[in-house]
Amino acid sequence: MENNKKQQAVPPLIDQTKANKDNERYFNLLVDNIPYRVEYEPFFFNEQVRYYVSINVGPKNVFVWDTTVGQFRAINDKAGVLPVGLEQAISEKLETQNLK
């Protein structure tokens, strides 16, 4: 018996309209009158979505969902140098990706 089920297209996990190379995406932010270009790449670790995030073509930070504060937070060594307002704005944008 032949299986006549149609293959359903799987929607992309994140917005494909602003995609650049590979799986990286970007958005622009203005925080405290300072413009930022934020590039991000989702990945899964221990069944949890995380993001590589680069700000103004700088080094990549790893953002992970922090249940204690209810937002994405940078967790690597360089995370302490991010302004709080910028980290919060990035978190808000990442939350809209619905990958938590």
Protein backbone atom coordinates (compact mmCIF):
# COMPACT_ATOMS: atom_id res chain seq x y z
CA MET A 1 0.00 0.00 0.00
CA GLU A 2 1.43 3.33 -1.05
CA ASN A 3 1.59 6.16 1.46
CA ASN A 4 -0.21 9.12 -0.12
CA LYS A 5 0.37 11.55 2.74
CA LYS A 6 1.75 14.87 1.60
CA GLN A 7 4.91 16.07 3.26
CA GLN A 8 4.06 19.17 5.27
CA ALA A 9 6.52 22.00 5.10
CA VAL A 10 8.09 22.74 8.45
CA PRO A 11 8.04 26.48 9.18
CA PRO A 12 11.42 28.03 9.93
CA LEU A 13 12.32 28.41 13.58
CA ILE A 14 13.23 32.07 13.14
CA ASP A 15 12.53 34.91 10.76
CA GLN A 16 14.21 34.15 7.44
CA THR A 17 13.81 37.66 6.04
CA LYS A 18 16.94 39.05 7.66
CA ALA A 19 19.14 36.02 7.27
CA ASN A 20 22.77 36.28 6.35
CA LYS A 21 25.31 33.46 6.06
CA ASP A 22 24.45 30.03 7.47
CA ASN A 23 22.02 30.29 10.38
CA GLU A 24 22.92 33.79 11.55
CA ARG A 25 20.29 36.50 11.82
CA TYR A 26 20.47 40.16 12.76
CA PHE A 27 18.51 43.14 14.01
CA ASN A 28 19.32 46.77 14.76
CA LEU A 29 18.81 48.39 18.15
CA LEU A 30 19.03 51.91 19.49
CA VAL A 31 19.74 51.88 23.24
CA ASP A 32 20.48 55.13 25.09
CA ASN A 33 20.89 56.85 21.69
CA ILE A 34 23.63 54.39 20.68
CA PRO A 35 23.03 52.27 17.55
CA TYR A 36 23.85 48.56 17.65
CA ARG A 37 23.83 45.87 15.01
CA VAL A 38 23.15 42.56 16.73
CA GLU A 39 23.90 39.33 14.90
CA TYR A 40 22.62 36.14 16.47
CA GLU A 41 22.66 32.44 15.75
CA PRO A 42 20.38 30.00 17.58
CA PHE A 43 21.65 26.61 18.69
CA PHE A 44 20.41 23.91 21.03
CA PHE A 45 22.33 22.65 24.05
CA ASN A 46 20.81 20.14 26.51
CA GLU A 47 17.45 20.56 24.72
CA GLN A 48 17.49 24.29 25.45
CA VAL A 49 17.81 27.04 22.87
CA ARG A 50 20.78 29.34 23.25
CA TYR A 51 22.11 32.09 21.03
CA TYR A 52 25.52 33.17 19.86
CA VAL A 53 25.25 36.97 19.85
CA SER A 54 27.70 39.40 18.29
CA ILE A 55 27.33 43.13 18.85
CA ASN A 56 28.69 45.49 16.18
CA VAL A 57 30.72 42.67 14.64
CA GLY A 58 32.45 42.01 17.97
CA PRO A 59 33.18 38.68 19.67
CA LYS A 60 30.32 36.26 20.18
CA ASN A 61 28.55 36.09 23.53
CA VAL A 62 26.37 33.14 24.53
CA PHE A 63 22.84 34.07 25.64
CA VAL A 64 20.75 31.54 27.57
CA TRP A 65 17.29 31.77 29.16
CA ASP A 66 17.63 32.62 32.87
CA THR A 67 14.52 31.44 34.73
CA THR A 68 15.38 33.47 37.84
CA VAL A 69 15.10 36.80 36.03
CA GLY A 70 12.81 35.71 33.20
CA GLN A 71 15.00 36.85 30.31
CA PHE A 72 17.92 35.83 28.13
CA ARG A 73 21.28 36.62 29.74
CA ALA A 74 24.84 36.54 28.47
CA ILE A 75 26.76 33.81 30.30
CA ASN A 76 30.32 33.89 29.02
CA ASP A 77 33.33 35.69 30.55
CA LYS A 78 32.86 38.86 28.51
CA ALA A 79 29.18 39.17 29.48
CA GLY A 80 29.96 41.50 32.38
CA VAL A 81 30.97 44.30 30.03
CA LEU A 82 27.55 44.53 28.35
CA PRO A 83 25.46 47.50 29.46
CA VAL A 84 22.36 46.31 31.34
CA GLY A 85 19.99 48.18 29.01
CA LEU A 86 21.59 46.59 25.96
CA GLU A 87 21.37 43.09 27.44
CA GLN A 88 17.69 43.65 28.26
CA ALA A 89 16.92 44.97 24.76
CA ILE A 90 18.68 41.98 23.17
CA SER A 91 16.74 39.63 25.46
CA GLU A 92 13.43 41.20 24.42
CA LYS A 93 14.26 40.71 20.75
CA LEU A 94 15.39 37.11 21.28
CA GLU A 95 12.18 36.34 23.18
CA THR A 96 10.16 37.16 20.08
CA GLN A 97 11.80 34.20 18.34
CA ASN A 98 9.66 31.81 20.46
CA LEU A 99 12.39 29.21 20.79
CA LYS A 100 12.66 29.06 24.60
